[in-house]
Amino acid sequence: MFILKHRLLENVSFSYDGRNRALDAISFKVKKGSSVALVGESGAGKSTVLRLLYRFYDLADGDGKILIDGQDIRKVTHASLRKAIGVVPQDPVLFNSSIKYNVGYVCGSLEQGPWHW
């Protein structure tokens, strides 16, 4: 589930490998203050939508648009975009590293906080 301001996916298509489409011309609108759950079978594109929203991948020219309050997400910084989106994933995501690294990634810094390393 993710909590959003006004978001719009407009005719979005995406392929990880350039051959098989993970998304094919999907469009939907999420109104400000709404909560949305993406539900579907494995391989339906739920995780791909989130990866595109977070800009882990950018859409190629001609593969549609993802807009936030009318602004193309490719024109905003990764940091400001990720600050505006809240995601509660089905499975936790951890990097193959230390607990310290994972906590630091989420918090932005390990210099402040109640922990002692």
C-alpha atoms as a PDB file:
ATOM      1  CA  MET A   1       0.000   0.000   0.000  1.00  0.00           C
ATOM      2  CA  PHE A   2       1.223   3.523  -0.660  1.00  0.00           C
ATOM      3  CA  ILE A   3      -0.073   6.918   0.427  1.00  0.00           C
ATOM      4  CA  LEU A   4       0.177   9.608  -2.197  1.00  0.00           C
ATOM      5  CA  LYS A   5      -0.607  13.135  -3.190  1.00  0.00           C
ATOM      6  CA  HIS A   6      -2.180  13.372  -6.658  1.00  0.00           C
ATOM      7  CA  ARG A   7      -0.401  10.823  -8.902  1.00  0.00           C
ATOM      8  CA  LEU A   8      -1.076   9.758 -12.445  1.00  0.00           C
ATOM      9  CA  LEU A   9       0.347   6.949 -14.524  1.00  0.00           C
ATOM     10  CA  GLU A  10      -0.388   7.743 -18.131  1.00  0.00           C
ATOM     11  CA  ASN A  11      -0.087   5.008 -20.763  1.00  0.00           C
ATOM     12  CA  VAL A  12       2.978   3.490 -19.037  1.00  0.00           C
ATOM     13  CA  SER A  13       4.832   0.607 -20.665  1.00  0.00           C
ATOM     14  CA  PHE A  14       8.058  -0.867 -19.315  1.00  0.00           C
ATOM     15  CA  SER A  15      10.446  -3.719 -20.018  1.00  0.00           C
ATOM     16  CA  TYR A  16      13.422  -4.783 -17.912  1.00  0.00           C
ATOM     17  CA  ASP A  17      15.158  -6.612 -20.749  1.00  0.00           C
ATOM     18  CA  GLY A  18      13.915  -4.760 -23.844  1.00  0.00           C
ATOM     19  CA  ARG A  19      11.956  -7.810 -25.051  1.00  0.00           C
ATOM     20  CA  ASN A  20       9.244  -8.758 -22.552  1.00  0.00           C
ATOM     21  CA  ARG A  21       6.915  -6.077 -21.242  1.00  0.00           C
ATOM     22  CA  ALA A  22       6.425  -6.016 -17.472  1.00  0.00           C
ATOM     23  CA  LEU A  23       3.831  -3.251 -17.966  1.00  0.00           C
ATOM     24  CA  ASP A  24       1.877  -2.604 -21.148  1.00  0.00           C
ATOM     25  CA  ALA A  25       0.087   0.736 -21.524  1.00  0.00           C
ATOM     26  CA  ILE A  26      -1.319   1.011 -17.981  1.00  0.00           C
ATOM     27  CA  SER A  27      -2.970   4.178 -16.750  1.00  0.00           C
ATOM     28  CA  PHE A  28      -4.503   5.124 -13.429  1.00  0.00           C
ATOM     29  CA  LYS A  29      -5.050   8.149 -11.235  1.00  0.00           C
ATOM     30  CA  VAL A  30      -4.697   8.366  -7.458  1.00  0.00           C
ATOM     31  CA  LYS A  31      -6.389  11.326  -5.809  1.00  0.00           C
ATOM     32  CA  LYS A  32      -4.736  13.325  -3.053  1.00  0.00           C
ATOM     33  CA  GLY A  33      -5.146  11.700   0.360  1.00  0.00           C
ATOM     34  CA  SER A  34      -6.077   8.293  -1.069  1.00  0.00           C
ATOM     35  CA  SER A  35      -4.562   4.986  -0.080  1.00  0.00           C
ATOM     36  CA  VAL A  36      -4.082   2.389  -2.792  1.00  0.00           C
ATOM     37  CA  ALA A  37      -3.254  -1.291  -2.662  1.00  0.00           C
ATOM     38  CA  LEU A  38      -1.814  -2.971  -5.744  1.00  0.00           C
ATOM     39  CA  VAL A  39      -3.095  -6.534  -5.797  1.00  0.00           C
ATOM     40  CA  GLY A  40      -2.541  -9.220  -8.390  1.00  0.00           C
ATOM     41  CA  GLU A  41      -0.889 -12.473  -9.214  1.00  0.00           C
ATOM     42  CA  SER A  42       2.851 -12.914  -9.381  1.00  0.00           C
ATOM     43  CA  GLY A  43       4.299 -11.180 -12.423  1.00  0.00           C
ATOM     44  CA  ALA A  44       1.367  -8.775 -12.834  1.00  0.00           C
ATOM     45  CA  GLY A  45       3.604  -5.696 -12.441  1.00  0.00           C
ATOM     46  CA  LYS A  46       2.893  -4.557  -8.866  1.00  0.00           C
ATOM     47  CA  SER A  47       6.564  -4.290  -7.888  1.00  0.00           C
ATOM     48  CA  THR A  48       7.437  -2.745 -11.246  1.00  0.00           C
ATOM     49  CA  VAL A  49       4.958   0.096 -10.642  1.00  0.00           C
ATOM     50  CA  LEU A  50       6.603   0.818  -7.274  1.00  0.00           C
ATOM     51  CA  ARG A  51      10.106   0.652  -8.757  1.00  0.00           C
ATOM     52  CA  LEU A  52       9.077   3.170 -11.397  1.00  0.00           C
ATOM     53  CA  LEU A  53       7.422   5.439  -8.797  1.00  0.00           C
ATOM     54  CA  TYR A  54      10.635   5.414  -6.768  1.00  0.00           C
ATOM     55  CA  ARG A  55      12.678   5.971  -9.952  1.00  0.00           C
ATOM     56  CA  PHE A  56      14.794   2.882  -9.502  1.00  0.00           C
ATOM     57  CA  TYR A  57      14.181   2.836 -13.270  1.00  0.00           C
ATOM     58  CA  ASP A  58      13.158   5.695 -15.559  1.00  0.00           C
ATOM     59  CA  LEU A  59      10.731   5.351 -18.425  1.00  0.00           C
ATOM     60  CA  ALA A  60      12.204   5.626 -21.893  1.00  0.00           C
ATOM     61  CA  ASP A  61      10.884   8.301 -24.221  1.00  0.00           C
ATOM     62  CA  GLY A  62       7.575   7.152 -25.672  1.00  0.00           C
ATOM     63  CA  ASP A  63       6.831   4.727 -22.805  1.00  0.00           C
ATOM     64  CA  GLY A  64       4.300   6.979 -21.067  1.00  0.00           C
ATOM     65  CA  LYS A  65       4.495   9.361 -18.126  1.00  0.00           C
ATOM     66  CA  ILE A  66       4.315   9.254 -14.362  1.00  0.00           C
ATOM     67  CA  LEU A  67       3.154  12.588 -12.981  1.00  0.00           C
ATOM     68  CA  ILE A  68       2.927  14.012  -9.466  1.00  0.00           C
ATOM     69  CA  ASP A  69       0.648  17.029  -9.253  1.00  0.00           C
ATOM     70  CA  GLY A  70       1.145  17.460 -13.009  1.00  0.00           C
ATOM     71  CA  GLN A  71       4.961  17.269 -12.895  1.00  0.00           C
ATOM     72  CA  ASP A  72       6.918  14.494 -14.622  1.00  0.00           C
ATOM     73  CA  ILE A  73       8.810  12.569 -11.923  1.00  0.00           C
ATOM     74  CA  ARG A  74      11.908  12.457 -14.140  1.00  0.00           C
ATOM     75  CA  LYS A  75      12.283  16.195 -13.495  1.00  0.00           C
ATOM     76  CA  VAL A  76      12.474  15.994  -9.690  1.00  0.00           C
ATOM     77  CA  THR A  77      15.294  14.754  -7.494  1.00  0.00           C
ATOM     78  CA  HIS A  78      15.291  11.192  -6.231  1.00  0.00           C
ATOM     79  CA  ALA A  79      15.382  12.457  -2.632  1.00  0.00           C
ATOM     80  CA  SER A  80      12.340  14.735  -2.931  1.00  0.00           C
ATOM     81  CA  LEU A  81      10.383  12.083  -4.794  1.00  0.00           C
ATOM     82  CA  ARG A  82      11.091   9.363  -2.252  1.00  0.00           C
ATOM     83  CA  LYS A  83      10.200  11.730   0.581  1.00  0.00           C
ATOM     84  CA  ALA A  84       6.736  12.238  -0.939  1.00  0.00           C
ATOM     85  CA  ILE A  85       5.854   8.531  -1.239  1.00  0.00           C
ATOM     86  CA  GLY A  86       5.166   6.148   1.634  1.00  0.00           C
ATOM     87  CA  VAL A  87       5.285   2.423   0.887  1.00  0.00           C
ATOM     88  CA  VAL A  88       4.400  -0.545   3.056  1.00  0.00           C
ATOM     89  CA  PRO A  89       5.810  -3.524   1.133  1.00  0.00           C
ATOM     90  CA  GLN A  90       4.573  -7.067   1.418  1.00  0.00           C
ATOM     91  CA  ASP A  91       8.113  -8.281   2.086  1.00  0.00           C
ATOM     92  CA  PRO A  92      10.822  -6.246   3.822  1.00  0.00           C
ATOM     93  CA  VAL A  93      13.717  -5.143   1.656  1.00  0.00           C
ATOM     94  CA  LEU A  94      17.198  -5.432   3.118  1.00  0.00           C
ATOM     95  CA  PHE A  95      20.509  -4.896   1.411  1.00  0.00           C
ATOM     96  CA  ASN A  96      23.005  -7.711   1.529  1.00  0.00           C
ATOM     97  CA  SER A  97      25.117  -5.847   4.053  1.00  0.00           C
ATOM     98  CA  SER A  98      25.233  -5.136   7.766  1.00  0.00           C
ATOM     99  CA  ILE A  99      22.329  -4.121   9.978  1.00  0.00           C
ATOM    100  CA  LYS A 100      24.165  -0.833  10.498  1.00  0.00           C
ATOM    101  CA  TYR A 101      24.160  -0.171   6.743  1.00  0.00           C
ATOM    102  CA  ASN A 102      20.441  -0.985   6.416  1.00  0.00           C
ATOM    103  CA  VAL A 103      19.482   1.273   9.342  1.00  0.00           C
ATOM    104  CA  GLY A 104      21.706   4.046   7.998  1.00  0.00           C
ATOM    105  CA  TYR A 105      20.112   3.780   4.555  1.00  0.00           C
ATOM    106  CA  VAL A 106      16.630   4.289   5.987  1.00  0.00           C
ATOM    107  CA  CYS A 107      17.609   7.011   8.467  1.00  0.00           C
ATOM    108  CA  GLY A 108      19.963   8.843   6.117  1.00  0.00           C
ATOM    109  CA  SER A 109      22.668   8.963   8.753  1.00  0.00           C
ATOM    110  CA  LEU A 110      23.902   6.946  11.686  1.00  0.00           C
ATOM    111  CA  GLU A 111      25.344  10.003  13.384  1.00  0.00           C
ATOM    112  CA  GLN A 112      22.079  10.713  15.196  1.00  0.00           C
ATOM    113  CA  GLY A 113      19.927   8.216  16.976  1.00  0.00           C
ATOM    114  CA  PRO A 114      19.601   6.072  20.083  1.00  0.00           C
ATOM    115  CA  TRP A 115      21.855   3.276  18.828  1.00  0.00           C
ATOM    116  CA  HIS A 116      25.434   2.540  19.767  1.00  0.00           C
ATOM    117  CA  TRP A 117      27.682   0.613  17.380  1.00  0.00           C
END
